[in-house]
């Protein structure tokens, strides 16, 4: 059984129109949500074998918030994850070595949202808590936890995964 954690970067700023999109930083709302998602990851003992992180500024800053909770998990910063489509993200996951049992992918919409929706497309939303919310919208800072009945990442395909949890920063504010 493989586990996949899909984390969308925290809320980013549009205050600097001269910056390229790749270089946009987090905004105040993103900075407020950072400790919340970190605490959630720590409390739920989310410790993937590896993290695949877009190298864009806002994803690296999101990673800065959660790195301590991940307790030494190796992080691979990859430019190709920036603006990646769902198909490209799926291809990257299929490249993971067999011995990797779990991965956290930290990336961007719309690719991340479409990937999560596609991987869970066979599930009925009414019978899975959080699935209707995931399919409707994948807000910044949201974390989906999926499981896939696989031995090898190369076999990962649409519809194979089950959603185990979907958490948004607003769910953690209390």
N, C-alpha and C. Protein backbone atom coordinates (compact mmCIF):
# COMPACT_ATOMS: atom_id res chain seq x y z
N UNK A 1 0.85 -1.18 0.00
CA UNK A 1 0.00 0.00 0.00
C UNK A 1 0.90 1.24 0.00
N UNK A 2 0.73 2.10 -0.97
CA UNK A 2 1.48 3.35 -1.06
C UNK A 2 0.62 4.49 -0.51
N UNK A 3 1.29 5.48 0.10
CA UNK A 3 0.58 6.67 0.60
C UNK A 3 1.09 7.90 -0.12
N UNK A 4 0.14 8.77 -0.46
CA UNK A 4 0.45 10.01 -1.18
C UNK A 4 -0.17 11.17 -0.41
N UNK A 5 0.66 12.14 -0.09
CA UNK A 5 0.20 13.38 0.55
C UNK A 5 0.36 14.49 -0.48
N UNK A 6 -0.73 15.16 -0.80
CA UNK A 6 -0.71 16.24 -1.79
C UNK A 6 -0.98 17.56 -1.07
N UNK A 7 0.03 18.41 -1.02
CA UNK A 7 -0.07 19.69 -0.31
C UNK A 7 0.07 20.83 -1.30
N UNK A 8 -0.94 21.67 -1.35
CA UNK A 8 -0.85 22.89 -2.15
C UNK A 8 -0.15 23.95 -1.31
N UNK A 9 0.72 24.72 -1.95
CA UNK A 9 1.45 25.78 -1.24
C UNK A 9 0.49 26.70 -0.49
N UNK A 10 1.02 27.38 0.52
CA UNK A 10 0.24 28.35 1.29
C UNK A 10 -0.08 29.57 0.43
N UNK A 11 -0.98 30.40 0.92
CA UNK A 11 -1.46 31.57 0.17
C UNK A 11 -0.31 32.51 -0.18
N UNK A 12 -0.24 32.88 -1.44
CA UNK A 12 0.85 33.74 -1.90
C UNK A 12 0.36 35.17 -2.18
N UNK A 13 1.33 36.04 -2.28
CA UNK A 13 1.07 37.47 -2.43
C UNK A 13 1.03 37.89 -3.90
N UNK A 14 0.15 38.81 -4.18
CA UNK A 14 0.08 39.45 -5.50
C UNK A 14 0.48 40.92 -5.37
N UNK A 15 1.12 41.29 -4.26
CA UNK A 15 1.47 42.69 -3.98
C UNK A 15 2.64 43.22 -4.81
N UNK A 16 3.33 42.36 -5.52
CA UNK A 16 4.52 42.78 -6.25
C UNK A 16 4.37 42.42 -7.73
N UNK A 17 3.63 43.24 -8.49
CA UNK A 17 3.34 42.90 -9.88
C UNK A 17 4.58 42.79 -10.76
N UNK A 18 5.69 43.36 -10.30
CA UNK A 18 6.92 43.29 -11.09
C UNK A 18 7.59 41.92 -11.00
N UNK A 19 7.19 41.11 -10.00
CA UNK A 19 7.79 39.79 -9.83
C UNK A 19 7.20 38.79 -10.81
N UNK A 20 8.05 37.93 -11.29
CA UNK A 20 7.60 36.79 -12.07
C UNK A 20 6.77 35.88 -11.15
N UNK A 21 5.78 35.19 -11.67
CA UNK A 21 4.93 34.32 -10.86
C UNK A 21 5.76 33.31 -10.06
N UNK A 22 6.80 32.79 -10.63
CA UNK A 22 7.67 31.81 -9.97
C UNK A 22 8.27 32.37 -8.68
N UNK A 23 8.47 33.68 -8.63
CA UNK A 23 9.13 34.34 -7.50
C UNK A 23 8.19 34.94 -6.46
N UNK A 24 6.87 34.74 -6.63
CA UNK A 24 5.94 35.34 -5.67
C UNK A 24 6.09 34.71 -4.28
N UNK A 25 6.15 35.55 -3.22
CA UNK A 25 6.28 35.04 -1.85
C UNK A 25 4.91 34.76 -1.24
N UNK A 26 4.93 34.21 -0.04
CA UNK A 26 3.69 34.03 0.72
C UNK A 26 3.18 35.38 1.19
N UNK A 27 1.88 35.47 1.43
CA UNK A 27 1.32 36.69 2.02
C UNK A 27 1.04 36.43 3.51
N UNK A 28 0.44 37.41 4.17
CA UNK A 28 0.18 37.28 5.62
C UNK A 28 -0.72 36.09 5.94
N UNK A 29 -1.72 35.86 5.11
CA UNK A 29 -2.61 34.71 5.35
C UNK A 29 -1.84 33.40 5.24
N UNK A 30 -0.93 33.32 4.28
CA UNK A 30 -0.09 32.14 4.15
C UNK A 30 0.81 31.96 5.36
N UNK A 31 1.36 33.08 5.84
CA UNK A 31 2.22 33.01 7.03
C UNK A 31 1.43 32.60 8.28
N UNK A 32 0.17 32.98 8.37
CA UNK A 32 -0.66 32.56 9.51
C UNK A 32 -1.01 31.07 9.42
N UNK A 33 -1.21 30.58 8.21
CA UNK A 33 -1.59 29.17 8.03
C UNK A 33 -0.41 28.22 8.18
N UNK A 34 0.79 28.71 7.98
CA UNK A 34 1.98 27.85 8.05
C UNK A 34 2.10 27.05 9.34
N UNK A 35 2.02 27.72 10.49
CA UNK A 35 2.11 26.95 11.74
C UNK A 35 0.95 25.97 11.94
N UNK A 36 -0.22 26.29 11.39
CA UNK A 36 -1.37 25.39 11.53
C UNK A 36 -1.13 24.08 10.78
N UNK A 37 -0.66 24.19 9.53
CA UNK A 37 -0.44 22.98 8.75
C UNK A 37 0.74 22.20 9.32
N UNK A 38 1.74 22.90 9.83
CA UNK A 38 2.87 22.24 10.48
C UNK A 38 2.41 21.43 11.68
N UNK A 39 1.58 22.03 12.52
CA UNK A 39 1.07 21.34 13.70
C UNK A 39 0.23 20.12 13.29
N UNK A 40 -0.57 20.27 12.24
CA UNK A 40 -1.37 19.15 11.75
C UNK A 40 -0.46 17.99 11.30
N UNK A 41 0.55 18.31 10.53
CA UNK A 41 1.48 17.28 10.05
C UNK A 41 2.17 16.60 11.23
N UNK A 42 2.58 17.39 12.21
CA UNK A 42 3.25 16.84 13.38
C UNK A 42 2.30 15.98 14.21
N UNK A 43 1.12 16.49 14.50
CA UNK A 43 0.13 15.79 15.32
C UNK A 43 -0.30 14.46 14.71
N UNK A 44 -0.41 14.43 13.39
CA UNK A 44 -0.86 13.22 12.70
C UNK A 44 0.32 12.35 12.24
N UNK A 45 1.51 12.69 12.72
CA UNK A 45 2.72 11.90 12.43
C UNK A 45 2.88 11.60 10.94
N UNK A 46 2.67 12.62 10.12
CA UNK A 46 2.86 12.46 8.69
C UNK A 46 4.37 12.54 8.41
N UNK A 47 4.94 11.40 8.07
CA UNK A 47 6.37 11.31 7.82
C UNK A 47 6.59 10.52 6.53
N UNK A 48 6.47 11.19 5.39
CA UNK A 48 6.69 10.48 4.13
C UNK A 48 8.16 10.07 4.00
N UNK A 49 8.41 9.17 3.10
CA UNK A 49 9.79 8.76 2.83
C UNK A 49 10.57 9.84 2.10
N UNK A 50 9.85 10.62 1.31
CA UNK A 50 10.48 11.68 0.52
C UNK A 50 9.46 12.79 0.26
N UNK A 51 9.97 14.00 0.08
CA UNK A 51 9.14 15.14 -0.31
C UNK A 51 9.58 15.59 -1.70
N UNK A 52 8.64 15.74 -2.60
CA UNK A 52 8.88 16.34 -3.91
C UNK A 52 8.27 17.72 -3.86
N UNK A 53 9.09 18.75 -4.00
CA UNK A 53 8.64 20.13 -3.83
C UNK A 53 8.99 20.96 -5.04
N UNK A 54 8.01 21.68 -5.55
CA UNK A 54 8.28 22.66 -6.60
C UNK A 54 9.34 23.63 -6.09
N UNK A 55 10.18 24.10 -6.98
CA UNK A 55 11.23 25.02 -6.56
C UNK A 55 10.79 26.48 -6.57
N UNK A 56 9.52 26.75 -6.86
CA UNK A 56 9.02 28.14 -6.81
C UNK A 56 9.15 28.69 -5.39
N UNK A 57 9.25 29.99 -5.29
CA UNK A 57 9.48 30.63 -3.99
C UNK A 57 8.40 30.28 -2.96
N UNK A 58 7.13 30.33 -3.35
CA UNK A 58 6.05 30.11 -2.38
C UNK A 58 6.00 28.67 -1.90
N UNK A 59 6.41 27.71 -2.74
CA UNK A 59 6.44 26.33 -2.27
C UNK A 59 7.65 26.11 -1.35
N UNK A 60 8.76 26.73 -1.66
CA UNK A 60 9.93 26.62 -0.77
C UNK A 60 9.63 27.26 0.58
N UNK A 61 8.91 28.39 0.58
CA UNK A 61 8.54 29.03 1.84
C UNK A 61 7.54 28.16 2.62
N UNK A 62 6.63 27.50 1.92
CA UNK A 62 5.71 26.57 2.58
C UNK A 62 6.52 25.43 3.20
N UNK A 63 7.49 24.94 2.46
CA UNK A 63 8.34 23.87 2.98
C UNK A 63 9.07 24.31 4.24
N UNK A 64 9.49 25.57 4.29
CA UNK A 64 10.16 26.09 5.49
C UNK A 64 9.29 25.93 6.74
N UNK A 65 7.98 26.07 6.58
CA UNK A 65 7.07 25.92 7.72
C UNK A 65 6.94 24.48 8.19
N UNK A 66 7.01 23.53 7.27
CA UNK A 66 6.72 22.15 7.65
C UNK A 66 7.95 21.27 7.83
N UNK A 67 9.11 21.76 7.43
CA UNK A 67 10.31 20.91 7.42
C UNK A 67 10.63 20.35 8.81
N UNK A 68 10.44 21.14 9.85
CA UNK A 68 10.74 20.66 11.20
C UNK A 68 9.82 19.50 11.59
N UNK A 69 8.55 19.60 11.24
CA UNK A 69 7.60 18.53 11.57
C UNK A 69 7.92 17.24 10.81
N UNK A 70 8.59 17.35 9.68
CA UNK A 70 8.91 16.18 8.88
C UNK A 70 10.15 15.44 9.38
N UNK A 71 10.85 16.03 10.31
CA UNK A 71 11.91 15.35 11.05
C UNK A 71 12.96 14.67 10.16
N UNK A 72 13.56 15.45 9.26
CA UNK A 72 14.68 14.94 8.48
C UNK A 72 14.33 14.20 7.20
N UNK A 73 13.07 14.23 6.80
CA UNK A 73 12.68 13.59 5.54
C UNK A 73 13.41 14.29 4.39
N UNK A 74 14.00 13.53 3.46
CA UNK A 74 14.69 14.17 2.33
C UNK A 74 13.71 14.95 1.45
N UNK A 75 14.17 16.12 1.00
CA UNK A 75 13.36 16.99 0.16
C UNK A 75 14.06 17.17 -1.18
N UNK A 76 13.32 16.94 -2.26
CA UNK A 76 13.82 17.16 -3.62
C UNK A 76 13.09 18.36 -4.20
N UNK A 77 13.82 19.46 -4.42
CA UNK A 77 13.23 20.65 -5.04
C UNK A 77 13.37 20.50 -6.55
N UNK A 78 12.25 20.58 -7.25
CA UNK A 78 12.26 20.33 -8.68
C UNK A 78 11.53 21.42 -9.45
N UNK A 79 12.22 22.03 -10.38
CA UNK A 79 11.63 23.08 -11.22
C UNK A 79 10.46 22.54 -12.05
N UNK A 80 10.56 21.29 -12.47
CA UNK A 80 9.52 20.73 -13.35
C UNK A 80 8.16 20.59 -12.67
N UNK A 81 8.12 20.69 -11.34
CA UNK A 81 6.85 20.62 -10.63
C UNK A 81 6.09 21.95 -10.66
N UNK A 82 6.80 23.03 -11.01
CA UNK A 82 6.16 24.34 -11.13
C UNK A 82 5.35 24.35 -12.42
N UNK A 83 4.08 24.69 -12.33
CA UNK A 83 3.14 24.72 -13.46
C UNK A 83 2.93 23.36 -14.11
N UNK A 84 3.24 22.28 -13.39
CA UNK A 84 3.04 20.94 -13.94
C UNK A 84 1.56 20.61 -14.04
N UNK A 85 1.21 19.93 -15.09
CA UNK A 85 -0.16 19.45 -15.27
C UNK A 85 -0.36 18.20 -14.41
N UNK A 86 -1.60 17.77 -14.29
CA UNK A 86 -1.89 16.54 -13.56
C UNK A 86 -1.15 15.37 -14.19
N UNK A 87 -1.11 15.31 -15.51
CA UNK A 87 -0.42 14.22 -16.20
C UNK A 87 1.08 14.24 -15.90
N UNK A 88 1.66 15.41 -15.85
CA UNK A 88 3.09 15.52 -15.55
C UNK A 88 3.38 15.13 -14.09
N UNK A 89 2.49 15.52 -13.18
CA UNK A 89 2.65 15.14 -11.77
C UNK A 89 2.51 13.62 -11.60
N UNK A 90 1.54 13.04 -12.28
CA UNK A 90 1.37 11.60 -12.23
C UNK A 90 2.60 10.89 -12.78
N UNK A 91 3.14 11.39 -13.86
CA UNK A 91 4.38 10.83 -14.44
C UNK A 91 5.51 10.89 -13.43
N UNK A 92 5.63 12.01 -12.71
CA UNK A 92 6.70 12.14 -11.72
C UNK A 92 6.52 11.13 -10.58
N UNK A 93 5.30 10.96 -10.11
CA UNK A 93 5.04 9.98 -9.06
C UNK A 93 5.38 8.56 -9.53
N UNK A 94 5.08 8.26 -10.78
CA UNK A 94 5.38 6.94 -11.33
C UNK A 94 6.88 6.66 -11.40
N UNK A 95 7.68 7.71 -11.34
CA UNK A 95 9.15 7.56 -11.39
C UNK A 95 9.76 7.23 -10.03
N UNK A 96 8.97 7.28 -8.97
CA UNK A 96 9.51 7.01 -7.64
C UNK A 96 10.04 5.59 -7.56
N UNK A 97 11.13 5.39 -6.81
CA UNK A 97 11.66 4.04 -6.64
C UNK A 97 10.69 3.14 -5.88
N UNK A 98 10.75 1.87 -6.19
CA UNK A 98 9.87 0.86 -5.59
C UNK A 98 9.88 0.92 -4.07
N UNK A 99 11.06 1.13 -3.47
CA UNK A 99 11.18 1.07 -2.01
C UNK A 99 10.52 2.26 -1.30
N UNK A 100 10.21 3.33 -2.00
CA UNK A 100 9.50 4.46 -1.40
C UNK A 100 8.06 4.04 -1.14
N UNK A 101 7.65 4.12 0.11
CA UNK A 101 6.29 3.73 0.48
C UNK A 101 5.33 4.92 0.53
N UNK A 102 5.88 6.13 0.79
CA UNK A 102 5.02 7.31 0.89
C UNK A 102 5.76 8.54 0.41
N UNK A 103 4.98 9.47 -0.14
CA UNK A 103 5.55 10.69 -0.71
C UNK A 103 4.65 11.86 -0.37
N UNK A 104 5.26 13.01 -0.12
CA UNK A 104 4.52 14.27 -0.01
C UNK A 104 4.91 15.09 -1.22
N UNK A 105 3.92 15.46 -2.02
CA UNK A 105 4.11 16.30 -3.20
C UNK A 105 3.59 17.68 -2.87
N UNK A 106 4.48 18.67 -2.88
CA UNK A 106 4.12 20.05 -2.56
C UNK A 106 4.16 20.85 -3.85
N UNK A 107 2.97 21.29 -4.30
CA UNK A 107 2.90 21.92 -5.60
C UNK A 107 1.82 22.97 -5.73
N UNK A 108 1.30 23.07 -6.95
CA UNK A 108 0.44 24.18 -7.38
C UNK A 108 -0.84 23.68 -8.04
N UNK A 109 -1.83 24.53 -8.04
CA UNK A 109 -3.03 24.32 -8.86
C UNK A 109 -2.78 24.95 -10.22
N UNK A 110 -3.48 24.51 -11.23
CA UNK A 110 -4.57 23.53 -11.21
C UNK A 110 -4.10 22.07 -11.24
N UNK A 111 -2.82 21.84 -11.50
CA UNK A 111 -2.31 20.47 -11.64
C UNK A 111 -2.56 19.59 -10.44
N UNK A 112 -2.30 20.13 -9.24
CA UNK A 112 -2.46 19.34 -8.02
C UNK A 112 -3.92 18.96 -7.81
N UNK A 113 -4.83 19.91 -8.03
CA UNK A 113 -6.26 19.65 -7.86
C UNK A 113 -6.73 18.58 -8.85
N UNK A 114 -6.31 18.71 -10.08
CA UNK A 114 -6.73 17.74 -11.10
C UNK A 114 -6.12 16.36 -10.82
N UNK A 115 -4.89 16.33 -10.31
CA UNK A 115 -4.28 15.06 -9.95
C UNK A 115 -5.07 14.38 -8.85
N UNK A 116 -5.38 15.11 -7.78
CA UNK A 116 -6.13 14.54 -6.66
C UNK A 116 -7.50 14.05 -7.11
N UNK A 117 -8.17 14.85 -7.90
CA UNK A 117 -9.50 14.46 -8.41
C UNK A 117 -9.41 13.22 -9.29
N UNK A 118 -8.41 13.19 -10.14
CA UNK A 118 -8.26 12.05 -11.04
C UNK A 118 -7.89 10.76 -10.32
N UNK A 119 -7.00 10.86 -9.35
CA UNK A 119 -6.59 9.66 -8.62
C UNK A 119 -7.74 9.04 -7.83
N UNK A 120 -8.72 9.87 -7.47
CA UNK A 120 -9.86 9.40 -6.66
C UNK A 120 -11.16 9.34 -7.46
N UNK A 121 -11.09 9.38 -8.78
CA UNK A 121 -12.29 9.53 -9.60
C UNK A 121 -13.30 8.40 -9.47
N UNK A 122 -12.91 7.24 -9.02
CA UNK A 122 -13.86 6.12 -8.89
C UNK A 122 -14.64 6.14 -7.59
N UNK A 123 -14.21 6.96 -6.65
CA UNK A 123 -14.90 7.01 -5.36
C UNK A 123 -16.17 7.85 -5.48
N UNK A 124 -17.16 7.49 -4.69
CA UNK A 124 -18.41 8.23 -4.66
C UNK A 124 -18.31 9.29 -3.57
N UNK A 125 -18.45 10.54 -3.96
CA UNK A 125 -18.22 11.65 -3.04
C UNK A 125 -19.07 11.58 -1.77
N UNK A 126 -20.31 11.15 -1.91
CA UNK A 126 -21.22 11.13 -0.76
C UNK A 126 -20.78 10.12 0.30
N UNK A 127 -19.99 9.13 -0.08
CA UNK A 127 -19.61 8.09 0.87
C UNK A 127 -18.21 8.29 1.46
N UNK A 128 -17.49 9.32 1.03
CA UNK A 128 -16.12 9.56 1.51
C UNK A 128 -16.02 10.98 2.08
N UNK A 129 -15.82 11.09 3.39
CA UNK A 129 -15.71 12.43 4.00
C UNK A 129 -14.59 13.25 3.35
N UNK A 130 -14.93 14.47 2.98
CA UNK A 130 -13.96 15.39 2.39
C UNK A 130 -13.83 15.33 0.89
N UNK A 131 -14.31 14.28 0.27
CA UNK A 131 -14.12 14.13 -1.17
C UNK A 131 -14.89 15.18 -1.98
N UNK A 132 -16.11 15.48 -1.57
CA UNK A 132 -16.87 16.52 -2.28
C UNK A 132 -16.15 17.86 -2.18
N UNK A 133 -15.60 18.17 -1.00
CA UNK A 133 -14.84 19.42 -0.83
C UNK A 133 -13.61 19.44 -1.73
N UNK A 134 -12.89 18.32 -1.78
CA UNK A 134 -11.70 18.23 -2.62
C UNK A 134 -12.05 18.44 -4.08
N UNK A 135 -13.10 17.82 -4.53
CA UNK A 135 -13.47 17.94 -5.94
C UNK A 135 -13.97 19.33 -6.29
N UNK A 136 -14.58 20.00 -5.32
CA UNK A 136 -15.09 21.35 -5.58
C UNK A 136 -13.97 22.38 -5.68
N UNK A 137 -13.02 22.31 -4.75
CA UNK A 137 -11.98 23.34 -4.69
C UNK A 137 -10.81 22.79 -3.89
N UNK A 138 -9.60 23.18 -4.28
CA UNK A 138 -8.39 22.76 -3.57
C UNK A 138 -7.66 24.03 -3.13
N UNK A 139 -8.10 24.62 -2.00
CA UNK A 139 -7.55 25.91 -1.57
C UNK A 139 -6.06 25.83 -1.21
N UNK A 140 -5.43 26.99 -1.19
CA UNK A 140 -4.03 27.03 -0.77
C UNK A 140 -3.90 26.45 0.63
N UNK A 141 -2.81 25.74 0.85
CA UNK A 141 -2.54 25.13 2.15
C UNK A 141 -3.30 23.85 2.43
N UNK A 142 -4.07 23.36 1.46
CA UNK A 142 -4.84 22.14 1.66
C UNK A 142 -3.96 20.91 1.49
N UNK A 143 -4.28 19.89 2.29
CA UNK A 143 -3.51 18.64 2.29
C UNK A 143 -4.46 17.47 2.12
N UNK A 144 -4.24 16.70 1.05
CA UNK A 144 -5.00 15.48 0.82
C UNK A 144 -4.11 14.29 1.14
N UNK A 145 -4.68 13.30 1.82
CA UNK A 145 -3.98 12.05 2.11
C UNK A 145 -4.68 10.95 1.33
N UNK A 146 -3.92 10.26 0.48
CA UNK A 146 -4.46 9.21 -0.37
C UNK A 146 -3.70 7.92 -0.12
N UNK A 147 -4.37 6.79 -0.34
CA UNK A 147 -3.69 5.50 -0.34
C UNK A 147 -3.96 4.83 -1.68
N UNK A 148 -2.97 4.04 -2.11
CA UNK A 148 -3.09 3.32 -3.38
C UNK A 148 -2.63 1.88 -3.17
N UNK A 149 -3.45 0.92 -3.56
CA UNK A 149 -3.11 -0.49 -3.38
C UNK A 149 -2.09 -0.95 -4.43
N UNK A 150 -0.86 -0.48 -4.27
CA UNK A 150 0.18 -0.74 -5.27
C UNK A 150 1.42 -1.32 -4.62
N UNK A 151 2.18 -2.05 -5.39
CA UNK A 151 3.52 -2.48 -5.01
C UNK A 151 4.54 -1.56 -5.66
N UNK A 152 4.22 -1.09 -6.86
CA UNK A 152 5.16 -0.30 -7.64
C UNK A 152 4.50 1.00 -8.12
N UNK A 153 5.21 2.10 -7.94
CA UNK A 153 4.70 3.41 -8.35
C UNK A 153 4.39 3.48 -9.84
N UNK A 154 5.07 2.70 -10.64
CA UNK A 154 4.83 2.72 -12.08
C UNK A 154 3.40 2.33 -12.43
N UNK A 155 2.72 1.65 -11.51
CA UNK A 155 1.34 1.21 -11.75
C UNK A 155 0.29 2.22 -11.30
N UNK A 156 0.72 3.35 -10.76
CA UNK A 156 -0.22 4.37 -10.31
C UNK A 156 -1.03 4.89 -11.50
N UNK A 157 -2.34 4.95 -11.33
CA UNK A 157 -3.22 5.38 -12.42
C UNK A 157 -4.46 6.07 -11.86
N UNK A 158 -5.15 6.76 -12.72
CA UNK A 158 -6.39 7.43 -12.34
C UNK A 158 -7.37 6.42 -11.75
N UNK A 159 -8.05 6.86 -10.69
CA UNK A 159 -9.09 6.05 -10.08
C UNK A 159 -8.62 4.99 -9.10
N UNK A 160 -7.32 4.84 -8.91
CA UNK A 160 -6.81 3.78 -8.04
C UNK A 160 -6.77 4.15 -6.56
N UNK A 161 -6.82 5.42 -6.25
CA UNK A 161 -6.59 5.85 -4.87
C UNK A 161 -7.87 6.04 -4.08
N UNK A 162 -7.70 5.94 -2.76
CA UNK A 162 -8.78 6.26 -1.82
C UNK A 162 -8.37 7.49 -1.03
N UNK A 163 -9.29 8.41 -0.87
CA UNK A 163 -9.04 9.58 -0.05
C UNK A 163 -9.20 9.19 1.41
N UNK A 164 -8.18 9.46 2.21
CA UNK A 164 -8.22 9.16 3.63
C UNK A 164 -8.48 10.41 4.46
N UNK A 165 -8.05 11.57 3.94
CA UNK A 165 -8.30 12.84 4.65
C UNK A 165 -8.09 13.99 3.68
N UNK A 166 -8.84 15.05 3.92
CA UNK A 166 -8.66 16.31 3.18
C UNK A 166 -8.81 17.44 4.18
N UNK A 167 -7.73 18.17 4.38
CA UNK A 167 -7.69 19.21 5.41
C UNK A 167 -7.32 20.54 4.76
N UNK A 168 -8.10 21.56 5.06
CA UNK A 168 -7.82 22.92 4.61
C UNK A 168 -7.41 23.77 5.81
N UNK A 169 -6.64 24.83 5.60
CA UNK A 169 -6.25 25.68 6.74
C UNK A 169 -7.44 26.14 7.57
N UNK A 170 -8.57 26.44 6.94
CA UNK A 170 -9.72 26.90 7.70
C UNK A 170 -10.26 25.82 8.63
N UNK A 171 -10.01 24.55 8.32
CA UNK A 171 -10.42 23.45 9.18
C UNK A 171 -9.56 23.37 10.45
N UNK A 172 -8.40 24.00 10.41
CA UNK A 172 -7.44 23.91 11.52
C UNK A 172 -7.41 25.14 12.41
N UNK A 173 -8.23 26.14 12.11
CA UNK A 173 -8.17 27.41 12.81
C UNK A 173 -8.71 27.37 14.23
N UNK A 174 -9.45 26.38 14.60
CA UNK A 174 -10.02 26.34 15.95
C UNK A 174 -9.07 25.73 16.95
